[in-house]
Each structure stands twice: as C-alpha cells, then as structure tokens.
Amino acid sequence: NDCPAHHPLINDFLVKLEKATKKAGVTATVENPKGRREGMLRYVLLSVSGSSRLSCTLVWNTSQMKQCQPHLSRLLKLIKADCASVRVNLNDRPGNAITSDRWHTVHGPQSDFEALGAGPGSQQLGRIHFEPGSFKQANYQGFGDIVERVRKVVVEKRPAQVTEMYAGAGCIGFNLLSCPSLERIVMSDVVASNLKSYRQTLKTLPPALAGKAEYVVGRAESVLESCQGSELVVVDPPRKGLDKGLVSELKSRSSPYFADLKTLCYVSCGFDSLARDVEELVKGGW
C-alpha cells in the first residue's frame, strides 16, 4: 500500500478495500488442486484521473450479475464514497485474460474521461473518453509525462503524418493533433471497444483537429497499411511487446509500409520485451 509508482489515492484505497472485502465477506479467487477456480473476486483494476477521480473495476469470477449478490451490494456500500465510478466485469473464463466483454456499471458514469491533453492551453481542446474495456493508465498524471515527451519528439521532427499502433483509446495520438506540422494521424488497436471511445472523443474536438484523425481496429500485423506515408510511428504495446510480424516489417528496410518512416517512438510497458524488441530492431538497422 506504499508503492511509489501508484497514485497516492490508489495506495490509500487499497487499505480501505482490503478491510471492506473482509467485512462484506468477499473472497478472493483461488485455483483448487483440480485446476478449478473458486471464490468471488478475481481482479481489481484501479485508475486515477488527472483531476484525482478514482475509478474501480471489480472482476468477478462468475458469468451472471445475480451470482455476485448479496456480497457485491455489501461491498459497494463500503467503497462507493471513495470512488467516482465502480464497474463490475464478469469473467469466469479459463486463461489469463484479466477481463471479458461483460461489463456492468454499478456506480457513477458509464465512461471515464480525461481533459485533453499535454502542453500549455491544450486542456481546452476536448476530452478523451474511456469506455468500459478501454485500457487506461492507473496513474494518468504520471502517464502525462510520457505523452509530453512523445509530443516534443513530434514537434522537433515535424512529420506531416503519424501512425500510433497499440493506441488504446488514443491517449497519445489525440494529444499530438495540435502539433503544428501534423496533417494526419492514424491510430489502431485490436480491442474493438476502443473505437467507441475514439468516436466519443472526436465529438469533443474542434472540427479542424477531428478531421486529422482516423482509427483502424485490428492486430498490428493486420493494419500495416495504416503506416504507409507516415514519417513517424508511435508504438505502445502491452507487456508482451511488439507483434513478431510488425518487428519483421520494421526490420525490412524495403517494406512498402515503412518507406517514409524516419522516426520510431517506442513506449514500453515491460523492460524485458523492450530489450528483446530493440535488439531485433537494431539488427535491422535502426
């Protein structure tokens, strides 16, 4: 409960959540000797917005909301005063996927949002929306430092077209729209719910900026066409790192998809995968 990487609100809430789950009789999910999962709460996902609003997702080990009761109602009464929103994700499926596509909002707004963005005056440009299922950094204020560093590279390199792969809801891409040289940005991600977040964000933008943005849903290896014509590509993969097909194309200096590429910005979620990917990219001449 004192992790320096977490927002202080998350550290404080974890202490309260541990007490609340015990009082509500909510049990943690464990795997029995036969490999079957038993218990109620499988994961807890927490994030804090730039304006210090805490959002909580409870991943329940079941397929139906009624099977969460009465424990969910007891827990909600104990924690909702500390949360801007509480959502339940039902995931009793095998495997390591943290969430499923079954979302239910039980407290607060249906979606989260953040002011756009990075740089002086940019907070008046719009709001980035996060629908349930869209990935959001736990410490969004800390993530803002990364966004600003990428933005500085774009301002310095002055590309007319940028592609962001593994874009999620577009936290980085949307913050690049006001860069002076930018005429077009194409964002992509494999999670289809991000497209809804993207469309909600577009509605909040001035038409001149919204007209520069595009979004493509699909695996990185299957949307390589979105990179054609881009002088700068931003990749922000999950902990596993870049898809092998994407690495192969980046290593191939004759790839038609990256004929105009001059700058690659890699935002990493895992050092081991970053080291592996960079080693391969350096072999390809980067």
C-alpha atoms as a PDB file:
ATOM      1  CA  ASN A   1       0.000   0.000   0.000  1.00  0.00           C
ATOM      2  CA  ASP A   2       3.004   2.350  -0.350  1.00  0.00           C
ATOM      3  CA  CYS A   3       4.002   1.749  -3.964  1.00  0.00           C
ATOM      4  CA  PRO A   4       5.812   4.886  -5.248  1.00  0.00           C
ATOM      5  CA  ALA A   5       4.595   4.251  -8.830  1.00  0.00           C
ATOM      6  CA  HIS A   6       0.933   4.343  -7.793  1.00  0.00           C
ATOM      7  CA  HIS A   7      -1.070   7.477  -7.305  1.00  0.00           C
ATOM      8  CA  PRO A   8      -1.437   8.105  -3.538  1.00  0.00           C
ATOM      9  CA  LEU A   9      -5.226   7.699  -3.845  1.00  0.00           C
ATOM     10  CA  ILE A  10      -4.728   4.117  -5.064  1.00  0.00           C
ATOM     11  CA  ASN A  11      -2.408   3.264  -2.185  1.00  0.00           C
ATOM     12  CA  ASP A  12      -4.897   4.689   0.314  1.00  0.00           C
ATOM     13  CA  PHE A  13      -7.872   2.973  -1.300  1.00  0.00           C
ATOM     14  CA  LEU A  14      -6.181  -0.439  -1.283  1.00  0.00           C
ATOM     15  CA  VAL A  15      -6.036  -0.326   2.506  1.00  0.00           C
ATOM     16  CA  LYS A  16      -9.756   0.511   2.675  1.00  0.00           C
ATOM     17  CA  LEU A  17     -10.623  -2.112   0.053  1.00  0.00           C
ATOM     18  CA  GLU A  18      -8.891  -4.885   1.964  1.00  0.00           C
ATOM     19  CA  LYS A  19     -10.907  -4.069   5.078  1.00  0.00           C
ATOM     20  CA  ALA A  20     -14.122  -3.684   3.077  1.00  0.00           C
ATOM     21  CA  THR A  21     -13.827  -7.065   1.333  1.00  0.00           C
ATOM     22  CA  LYS A  22     -13.321  -8.795   4.664  1.00  0.00           C
ATOM     23  CA  LYS A  23     -16.309  -7.012   6.212  1.00  0.00           C
ATOM     24  CA  ALA A  24     -18.523  -7.807   3.187  1.00  0.00           C
ATOM     25  CA  GLY A  25     -17.443 -11.451   3.166  1.00  0.00           C
ATOM     26  CA  VAL A  26     -15.989 -11.205  -0.352  1.00  0.00           C
ATOM     27  CA  THR A  27     -13.454 -13.959  -1.007  1.00  0.00           C
ATOM     28  CA  ALA A  28     -10.510 -13.901  -3.384  1.00  0.00           C
ATOM     29  CA  THR A  29     -10.482 -16.287  -6.330  1.00  0.00           C
ATOM     30  CA  VAL A  30      -8.053 -19.175  -5.971  1.00  0.00           C
ATOM     31  CA  GLU A  31      -7.361 -22.276  -8.027  1.00  0.00           C
ATOM     32  CA  ASN A  32      -8.087 -25.607  -6.332  1.00  0.00           C
ATOM     33  CA  PRO A  33      -5.921 -28.754  -6.792  1.00  0.00           C
ATOM     34  CA  LYS A  34      -8.112 -29.794  -9.735  1.00  0.00           C
ATOM     35  CA  GLY A  35      -7.391 -26.552 -11.562  1.00  0.00           C
ATOM     36  CA  ARG A  36     -10.839 -25.087 -10.996  1.00  0.00           C
ATOM     37  CA  ARG A  37     -11.226 -21.508  -9.832  1.00  0.00           C
ATOM     38  CA  GLU A  38     -13.140 -20.929  -6.616  1.00  0.00           C
ATOM     39  CA  GLY A  39     -14.044 -17.675  -4.871  1.00  0.00           C
ATOM     40  CA  MET A  40     -15.591 -14.352  -5.862  1.00  0.00           C
ATOM     41  CA  LEU A  41     -13.181 -11.537  -6.639  1.00  0.00           C
ATOM     42  CA  ARG A  42     -10.678 -12.341  -9.362  1.00  0.00           C
ATOM     43  CA  TYR A  43      -9.010  -8.979 -10.022  1.00  0.00           C
ATOM     44  CA  VAL A  44      -9.347  -5.331  -9.004  1.00  0.00           C
ATOM     45  CA  LEU A  45      -8.438  -2.613 -11.521  1.00  0.00           C
ATOM     46  CA  LEU A  46      -7.886   0.926 -10.257  1.00  0.00           C
ATOM     47  CA  SER A  47      -7.103   4.176 -12.032  1.00  0.00           C
ATOM     48  CA  VAL A  48      -6.950   7.826 -11.038  1.00  0.00           C
ATOM     49  CA  SER A  49      -7.799  10.654 -13.403  1.00  0.00           C
ATOM     50  CA  GLY A  50      -5.919  13.892 -13.856  1.00  0.00           C
ATOM     51  CA  SER A  51      -8.482  15.576 -11.620  1.00  0.00           C
ATOM     52  CA  SER A  52      -7.989  12.953  -8.883  1.00  0.00           C
ATOM     53  CA  ARG A  53     -11.119  10.867  -9.519  1.00  0.00           C
ATOM     54  CA  LEU A  54     -10.664   7.205  -8.617  1.00  0.00           C
ATOM     55  CA  SER A  55     -12.303   4.527 -10.772  1.00  0.00           C
ATOM     56  CA  CYS A  56     -12.626   0.927  -9.611  1.00  0.00           C
ATOM     57  CA  THR A  57     -13.358  -2.229 -11.604  1.00  0.00           C
ATOM     58  CA  LEU A  58     -14.214  -5.441  -9.749  1.00  0.00           C
ATOM     59  CA  VAL A  59     -13.572  -8.541 -11.855  1.00  0.00           C
ATOM     60  CA  TRP A  60     -15.943 -11.191 -10.512  1.00  0.00           C
ATOM     61  CA  ASN A  61     -15.459 -14.924 -11.013  1.00  0.00           C
ATOM     62  CA  THR A  62     -18.919 -15.585 -12.451  1.00  0.00           C
ATOM     63  CA  SER A  63     -20.969 -15.218 -15.629  1.00  0.00           C
ATOM     64  CA  GLN A  64     -24.115 -13.587 -14.155  1.00  0.00           C
ATOM     65  CA  MET A  65     -24.638 -10.451 -12.080  1.00  0.00           C
ATOM     66  CA  LYS A  66     -27.146 -12.141  -9.805  1.00  0.00           C
ATOM     67  CA  GLN A  67     -24.421 -14.532  -8.673  1.00  0.00           C
ATOM     68  CA  CYS A  68     -22.446 -11.565  -7.304  1.00  0.00           C
ATOM     69  CA  GLN A  69     -25.154 -10.856  -4.752  1.00  0.00           C
ATOM     70  CA  PRO A  70     -25.546 -10.156  -1.887  1.00  0.00           C
ATOM     71  CA  HIS A  71     -21.795  -9.666  -1.475  1.00  0.00           C
ATOM     72  CA  LEU A  72     -21.449  -7.092  -4.230  1.00  0.00           C
ATOM     73  CA  SER A  73     -24.097  -4.818  -2.703  1.00  0.00           C
ATOM     74  CA  ARG A  74     -22.433  -5.064   0.696  1.00  0.00           C
ATOM     75  CA  LEU A  75     -19.031  -4.203  -0.764  1.00  0.00           C
ATOM     76  CA  LEU A  76     -20.390  -1.350  -2.873  1.00  0.00           C
ATOM     77  CA  LYS A  77     -21.914   0.365   0.166  1.00  0.00           C
ATOM     78  CA  LEU A  78     -18.493   0.339   1.827  1.00  0.00           C
ATOM     79  CA  ILE A  79     -16.386   1.651  -1.073  1.00  0.00           C
ATOM     80  CA  LYS A  80     -18.536   3.865  -3.306  1.00  0.00           C
ATOM     81  CA  ALA A  81     -17.944   7.021  -1.253  1.00  0.00           C
ATOM     82  CA  ASP A  82     -14.266   6.819  -2.274  1.00  0.00           C
ATOM     83  CA  CYS A  83     -14.931   6.110  -5.957  1.00  0.00           C
ATOM     84  CA  ALA A  84     -16.098   8.293  -8.831  1.00  0.00           C
ATOM     85  CA  SER A  85     -17.202   5.106 -10.574  1.00  0.00           C
ATOM     86  CA  VAL A  86     -17.423   1.382  -9.874  1.00  0.00           C
ATOM     87  CA  ARG A  87     -17.816  -1.233 -12.605  1.00  0.00           C
ATOM     88  CA  VAL A  88     -18.155  -4.982 -12.497  1.00  0.00           C
ATOM     89  CA  ASN A  89     -16.643  -7.238 -15.123  1.00  0.00           C
ATOM     90  CA  LEU A  90     -17.861 -10.833 -15.208  1.00  0.00           C
ATOM     91  CA  ASN A  91     -15.044 -13.218 -16.071  1.00  0.00           C
ATOM     92  CA  ASP A  92     -15.229 -16.894 -15.184  1.00  0.00           C
ATOM     93  CA  ARG A  93     -13.438 -17.954 -18.343  1.00  0.00           C
ATOM     94  CA  PRO A  94     -10.233 -20.021 -18.261  1.00  0.00           C
ATOM     95  CA  GLY A  95      -6.933 -18.444 -19.200  1.00  0.00           C
ATOM     96  CA  ASN A  96      -5.063 -15.336 -18.117  1.00  0.00           C
ATOM     97  CA  ALA A  97      -7.258 -12.663 -19.713  1.00  0.00           C
ATOM     98  CA  ILE A  98      -7.984 -10.163 -16.946  1.00  0.00           C
ATOM     99  CA  THR A  99     -11.385  -9.046 -18.248  1.00  0.00           C
ATOM    100  CA  SER A 100     -14.127 -10.321 -20.531  1.00  0.00           C
ATOM    101  CA  ASP A 101     -16.568  -8.354 -22.700  1.00  0.00           C
ATOM    102  CA  ARG A 102     -19.261  -8.435 -19.984  1.00  0.00           C
ATOM    103  CA  TRP A 103     -19.323  -5.018 -18.282  1.00  0.00           C
ATOM    104  CA  HIS A 104     -21.779  -3.510 -15.815  1.00  0.00           C
ATOM    105  CA  THR A 105     -21.619  -0.025 -14.275  1.00  0.00           C
ATOM    106  CA  VAL A 106     -22.931  -0.126 -10.702  1.00  0.00           C
ATOM    107  CA  HIS A 107     -21.917   3.351  -9.525  1.00  0.00           C
ATOM    108  CA  GLY A 108     -21.124   6.608 -11.299  1.00  0.00           C
ATOM    109  CA  PRO A 109     -20.922   7.423 -15.032  1.00  0.00           C
ATOM    110  CA  GLN A 110     -20.834   4.808 -17.783  1.00  0.00           C
ATOM    111  CA  SER A 111     -17.478   6.014 -19.089  1.00  0.00           C
ATOM    112  CA  ASP A 112     -14.462   7.898 -17.754  1.00  0.00           C
ATOM    113  CA  PHE A 113     -12.871  10.893 -19.401  1.00  0.00           C
ATOM    114  CA  GLU A 114      -9.720  12.964 -19.213  1.00  0.00           C
ATOM    115  CA  ALA A 115      -9.015  16.516 -20.282  1.00  0.00           C
ATOM    116  CA  LEU A 116      -7.015  16.653 -23.482  1.00  0.00           C
ATOM    117  CA  GLY A 117      -4.023  16.913 -23.014  1.00  0.00           C
ATOM    118  CA  ALA A 118      -0.353  17.754 -22.966  1.00  0.00           C
ATOM    119  CA  GLY A 119       1.092  21.216 -23.404  1.00  0.00           C
ATOM    120  CA  PRO A 120       0.003  24.736 -22.429  1.00  0.00           C
ATOM    121  CA  GLY A 121      -3.605  25.556 -23.220  1.00  0.00           C
ATOM    122  CA  SER A 122      -4.429  22.149 -24.657  1.00  0.00           C
ATOM    123  CA  GLN A 123      -6.896  21.245 -21.914  1.00  0.00           C
ATOM    124  CA  GLN A 124      -9.490  23.388 -23.676  1.00  0.00           C
ATOM    125  CA  LEU A 125      -9.330  21.274 -26.861  1.00  0.00           C
ATOM    126  CA  GLY A 126     -11.553  18.369 -25.791  1.00  0.00           C
ATOM    127  CA  ARG A 127     -11.870  15.273 -23.604  1.00  0.00           C
ATOM    128  CA  ILE A 128     -10.544  11.751 -24.092  1.00  0.00           C
ATOM    129  CA  HIS A 129     -13.238   9.178 -23.303  1.00  0.00           C
ATOM    130  CA  PHE A 130     -12.670   5.691 -21.912  1.00  0.00           C
ATOM    131  CA  GLU A 131     -15.493   3.229 -22.439  1.00  0.00           C
ATOM    132  CA  PRO A 132     -15.579   0.082 -20.262  1.00  0.00           C
ATOM    133  CA  GLY A 133     -12.964  -2.241 -21.738  1.00  0.00           C
ATOM    134  CA  SER A 134     -10.693   0.556 -22.934  1.00  0.00           C
ATOM    135  CA  PHE A 135      -7.274   0.465 -21.289  1.00  0.00           C
ATOM    136  CA  LYS A 136      -6.366   3.415 -19.099  1.00  0.00           C
ATOM    137  CA  GLN A 137      -3.152   4.014 -17.216  1.00  0.00           C
ATOM    138  CA  ALA A 138      -3.567   3.618 -13.458  1.00  0.00           C
ATOM    139  CA  ASN A 139      -1.631   6.832 -12.806  1.00  0.00           C
ATOM    140  CA  TYR A 140      -2.807   9.093 -15.608  1.00  0.00           C
ATOM    141  CA  GLN A 141      -0.932  12.082 -14.235  1.00  0.00           C
ATOM    142  CA  GLY A 142       2.325  10.132 -14.421  1.00  0.00           C
ATOM    143  CA  PHE A 143       1.480   8.970 -17.929  1.00  0.00           C
ATOM    144  CA  GLY A 144       1.178  12.617 -18.926  1.00  0.00           C
ATOM    145  CA  ASP A 145       4.974  12.920 -18.641  1.00  0.00           C
ATOM    146  CA  ILE A 146       5.364  10.191 -21.274  1.00  0.00           C
ATOM    147  CA  VAL A 147       2.816  11.848 -23.558  1.00  0.00           C
ATOM    148  CA  GLU A 148       4.664  15.155 -23.317  1.00  0.00           C
ATOM    149  CA  ARG A 149       7.985  13.505 -24.243  1.00  0.00           C
ATOM    150  CA  VAL A 150       6.439  11.923 -27.344  1.00  0.00           C
ATOM    151  CA  ARG A 151       4.838  15.236 -28.237  1.00  0.00           C
ATOM    152  CA  LYS A 152       8.221  17.007 -28.027  1.00  0.00           C
ATOM    153  CA  VAL A 153       9.684  14.488 -30.485  1.00  0.00           C
ATOM    154  CA  VAL A 154       6.840  15.137 -32.929  1.00  0.00           C
ATOM    155  CA  VAL A 155       7.273  18.902 -32.626  1.00  0.00           C
ATOM    156  CA  GLU A 156      11.026  18.527 -33.222  1.00  0.00           C
ATOM    157  CA  LYS A 157      10.792  16.086 -36.160  1.00  0.00           C
ATOM    158  CA  ARG A 158       7.846  17.890 -37.802  1.00  0.00           C
ATOM    159  CA  PRO A 159       6.161  14.916 -39.529  1.00  0.00           C
ATOM    160  CA  ALA A 160       3.085  15.574 -41.659  1.00  0.00           C
ATOM    161  CA  GLN A 161       1.670  12.097 -40.953  1.00  0.00           C
ATOM    162  CA  VAL A 162       1.936   9.928 -37.828  1.00  0.00           C
ATOM    163  CA  THR A 163       0.689   6.422 -37.024  1.00  0.00           C
ATOM    164  CA  GLU A 164       0.082   5.211 -33.465  1.00  0.00           C
ATOM    165  CA  MET A 165      -0.114   1.429 -33.073  1.00  0.00           C
ATOM    166  CA  TYR A 166      -1.497  -0.253 -29.902  1.00  0.00           C
ATOM    167  CA  ALA A 167      -3.228   3.103 -29.429  1.00  0.00           C
ATOM    168  CA  GLY A 168      -5.948   2.055 -26.983  1.00  0.00           C
ATOM    169  CA  ALA A 169      -8.403   4.934 -26.621  1.00  0.00           C
ATOM    170  CA  GLY A 170      -5.887   7.288 -28.249  1.00  0.00           C
ATOM    171  CA  CYS A 171      -4.280   8.901 -25.197  1.00  0.00           C
ATOM    172  CA  ILE A 172      -1.065   9.642 -27.072  1.00  0.00           C
ATOM    173  CA  GLY A 173      -2.482  10.176 -30.550  1.00  0.00           C
ATOM    174  CA  PHE A 174      -5.133  12.711 -29.596  1.00  0.00           C
ATOM    175  CA  ASN A 175      -2.530  14.740 -27.730  1.00  0.00           C
ATOM    176  CA  LEU A 176      -0.478  15.023 -30.928  1.00  0.00           C
ATOM    177  CA  LEU A 177      -3.259  16.546 -33.033  1.00  0.00           C
ATOM    178  CA  SER A 178      -2.326  20.135 -32.200  1.00  0.00           C
ATOM    179  CA  CYS A 179       1.333  19.693 -33.191  1.00  0.00           C
ATOM    180  CA  PRO A 180       1.985  22.377 -35.858  1.00  0.00           C
ATOM    181  CA  SER A 181       3.240  20.082 -38.640  1.00  0.00           C
ATOM    182  CA  LEU A 182       0.662  17.333 -38.253  1.00  0.00           C
ATOM    183  CA  GLU A 183      -1.847  16.897 -41.075  1.00  0.00           C
ATOM    184  CA  ARG A 184      -2.973  13.317 -40.414  1.00  0.00           C
ATOM    185  CA  ILE A 185      -2.752  10.707 -37.665  1.00  0.00           C
ATOM    186  CA  VAL A 186      -3.933   7.099 -37.892  1.00  0.00           C
ATOM    187  CA  MET A 187      -4.489   5.229 -34.626  1.00  0.00           C
ATOM    188  CA  SER A 188      -5.064   1.484 -34.349  1.00  0.00           C
ATOM    189  CA  ASP A 189      -5.723  -1.179 -31.720  1.00  0.00           C
ATOM    190  CA  VAL A 190      -7.020  -4.749 -31.580  1.00  0.00           C
ATOM    191  CA  VAL A 191      -9.652  -4.029 -28.874  1.00  0.00           C
ATOM    192  CA  ALA A 192     -12.883  -3.089 -30.649  1.00  0.00           C
ATOM    193  CA  SER A 193     -14.342  -1.162 -27.677  1.00  0.00           C
ATOM    194  CA  ASN A 194     -11.625   1.457 -28.185  1.00  0.00           C
ATOM    195  CA  LEU A 195     -13.351   2.548 -31.383  1.00  0.00           C
ATOM    196  CA  LYS A 196     -16.363   3.702 -29.356  1.00  0.00           C
ATOM    197  CA  SER A 197     -14.061   5.652 -27.034  1.00  0.00           C
ATOM    198  CA  TYR A 198     -12.393   7.219 -30.074  1.00  0.00           C
ATOM    199  CA  ARG A 199     -15.717   8.307 -31.554  1.00  0.00           C
ATOM    200  CA  GLN A 200     -16.848   9.847 -28.274  1.00  0.00           C
ATOM    201  CA  THR A 201     -13.598  11.800 -28.059  1.00  0.00           C
ATOM    202  CA  LEU A 202     -13.959  13.084 -31.632  1.00  0.00           C
ATOM    203  CA  LYS A 203     -17.265  14.726 -30.705  1.00  0.00           C
ATOM    204  CA  THR A 204     -15.486  16.933 -28.166  1.00  0.00           C
ATOM    205  CA  LEU A 205     -12.806  18.213 -30.573  1.00  0.00           C
ATOM    206  CA  PRO A 206     -12.809  21.282 -32.812  1.00  0.00           C
ATOM    207  CA  PRO A 207     -13.619  20.171 -36.392  1.00  0.00           C
ATOM    208  CA  ALA A 208     -10.187  21.236 -37.654  1.00  0.00           C
ATOM    209  CA  LEU A 209      -8.495  18.777 -35.293  1.00  0.00           C
ATOM    210  CA  ALA A 210     -11.072  15.986 -35.562  1.00  0.00           C
ATOM    211  CA  GLY A 211     -10.623  15.985 -39.336  1.00  0.00           C
ATOM    212  CA  LYS A 212      -6.982  14.963 -38.976  1.00  0.00           C
ATOM    213  CA  ALA A 213      -7.717  11.723 -37.069  1.00  0.00           C
ATOM    214  CA  GLU A 214      -8.527   8.182 -38.221  1.00  0.00           C
ATOM    215  CA  TYR A 215      -8.914   4.883 -36.342  1.00  0.00           C
ATOM    216  CA  VAL A 216      -8.450   1.284 -37.500  1.00  0.00           C
ATOM    217  CA  VAL A 217      -9.380  -1.828 -35.478  1.00  0.00           C
ATOM    218  CA  GLY A 218      -7.147  -4.872 -35.850  1.00  0.00           C
ATOM    219  CA  ARG A 219      -3.918  -6.570 -34.788  1.00  0.00           C
ATOM    220  CA  ALA A 220      -0.765  -4.614 -35.533  1.00  0.00           C
ATOM    221  CA  GLU A 221       0.275  -7.183 -38.131  1.00  0.00           C
ATOM    222  CA  SER A 222      -3.025  -6.807 -39.986  1.00  0.00           C
ATOM    223  CA  VAL A 223      -3.199  -2.994 -40.131  1.00  0.00           C
ATOM    224  CA  LEU A 224       0.257  -2.254 -41.522  1.00  0.00           C
ATOM    225  CA  GLU A 225      -1.348  -0.289 -44.359  1.00  0.00           C
ATOM    226  CA  SER A 226      -2.104   2.419 -41.788  1.00  0.00           C
ATOM    227  CA  CYS A 227       1.634   3.127 -41.614  1.00  0.00           C
ATOM    228  CA  GLN A 228       2.023   3.933 -45.303  1.00  0.00           C
ATOM    229  CA  GLY A 229       3.070   7.549 -45.726  1.00  0.00           C
ATOM    230  CA  SER A 230       3.895   8.072 -42.034  1.00  0.00           C
ATOM    231  CA  GLU A 231       7.234   9.669 -41.248  1.00  0.00           C
ATOM    232  CA  LEU A 232       6.880   8.906 -37.537  1.00  0.00           C
ATOM    233  CA  VAL A 233       5.328   5.836 -35.879  1.00  0.00           C
ATOM    234  CA  VAL A 234       4.478   5.520 -32.187  1.00  0.00           C
ATOM    235  CA  VAL A 235       4.194   2.002 -30.719  1.00  0.00           C
ATOM    236  CA  ASP A 236       2.786   1.488 -27.224  1.00  0.00           C
ATOM    237  CA  PRO A 237       2.459  -2.310 -26.900  1.00  0.00           C
ATOM    238  CA  PRO A 238       1.348  -4.278 -23.822  1.00  0.00           C
ATOM    239  CA  ARG A 239       3.885  -6.099 -21.662  1.00  0.00           C
ATOM    240  CA  LYS A 240       4.441  -8.838 -24.248  1.00  0.00           C
ATOM    241  CA  GLY A 241       5.950  -6.285 -26.624  1.00  0.00           C
ATOM    242  CA  LEU A 242       5.620  -5.877 -30.381  1.00  0.00           C
ATOM    243  CA  ASP A 243       3.947  -8.493 -32.562  1.00  0.00           C
ATOM    244  CA  LYS A 244       6.503 -10.580 -34.470  1.00  0.00           C
ATOM    245  CA  GLY A 245       5.042  -9.632 -37.839  1.00  0.00           C
ATOM    246  CA  LEU A 246       5.433  -5.935 -37.049  1.00  0.00           C
ATOM    247  CA  VAL A 247       9.057  -6.412 -35.964  1.00  0.00           C
ATOM    248  CA  SER A 248       9.795  -8.269 -39.199  1.00  0.00           C
ATOM    249  CA  GLU A 249       8.344  -5.457 -41.302  1.00  0.00           C
ATOM    250  CA  LEU A 250      10.222  -2.790 -39.332  1.00  0.00           C
ATOM    251  CA  LYS A 251      13.491  -4.708 -39.768  1.00  0.00           C
ATOM    252  CA  SER A 252      12.914  -4.907 -43.508  1.00  0.00           C
ATOM    253  CA  ARG A 253      14.091  -1.526 -44.739  1.00  0.00           C
ATOM    254  CA  SER A 254      12.458  -2.312 -48.079  1.00  0.00           C
ATOM    255  CA  SER A 255       8.979  -2.730 -46.560  1.00  0.00           C
ATOM    256  CA  PRO A 256       6.399  -0.741 -48.561  1.00  0.00           C
ATOM    257  CA  TYR A 257       4.564   0.046 -45.329  1.00  0.00           C
ATOM    258  CA  PHE A 258       7.525   1.936 -43.849  1.00  0.00           C
ATOM    259  CA  ALA A 259       9.052   3.513 -46.928  1.00  0.00           C
ATOM    260  CA  ASP A 260       8.628   7.032 -45.480  1.00  0.00           C
ATOM    261  CA  LEU A 261       9.401   6.172 -41.854  1.00  0.00           C
ATOM    262  CA  LYS A 262      12.202   8.190 -40.270  1.00  0.00           C
ATOM    263  CA  THR A 263      11.423   8.064 -36.532  1.00  0.00           C
ATOM    264  CA  LEU A 264      10.095   5.270 -34.292  1.00  0.00           C
ATOM    265  CA  CYS A 265       8.871   6.137 -30.762  1.00  0.00           C
ATOM    266  CA  TYR A 266       8.616   3.062 -28.517  1.00  0.00           C
ATOM    267  CA  VAL A 267       6.627   3.448 -25.279  1.00  0.00           C
ATOM    268  CA  SER A 268       7.276   0.309 -23.224  1.00  0.00           C
ATOM    269  CA  CYS A 269       5.208  -1.467 -20.560  1.00  0.00           C
ATOM    270  CA  GLY A 270       7.836  -4.161 -19.903  1.00  0.00           C
ATOM    271  CA  PHE A 271      11.618  -3.886 -19.883  1.00  0.00           C
ATOM    272  CA  ASP A 272      12.288  -7.484 -20.949  1.00  0.00           C
ATOM    273  CA  SER A 273      10.145  -7.192 -24.069  1.00  0.00           C
ATOM    274  CA  LEU A 274      11.595  -3.758 -24.821  1.00  0.00           C
ATOM    275  CA  ALA A 275      15.151  -5.127 -24.654  1.00  0.00           C
ATOM    276  CA  ARG A 276      14.205  -8.034 -26.933  1.00  0.00           C
ATOM    277  CA  ASP A 277      12.446  -5.829 -29.487  1.00  0.00           C
ATOM    278  CA  VAL A 278      15.199  -3.193 -29.538  1.00  0.00           C
ATOM    279  CA  GLU A 279      17.833  -5.863 -30.081  1.00  0.00           C
ATOM    280  CA  GLU A 280      15.917  -7.129 -33.112  1.00  0.00           C
ATOM    281  CA  LEU A 281      15.311  -3.628 -34.467  1.00  0.00           C
ATOM    282  CA  VAL A 282      18.994  -2.714 -34.138  1.00  0.00           C
ATOM    283  CA  LYS A 283      19.846  -5.838 -36.149  1.00  0.00           C
ATOM    284  CA  GLY A 284      17.573  -4.419 -38.838  1.00  0.00           C
ATOM    285  CA  GLY A 285      19.472  -1.149 -38.973  1.00  0.00           C
ATOM    286  CA  TRP A 286      17.574   1.043 -36.537  1.00  0.00           C
END
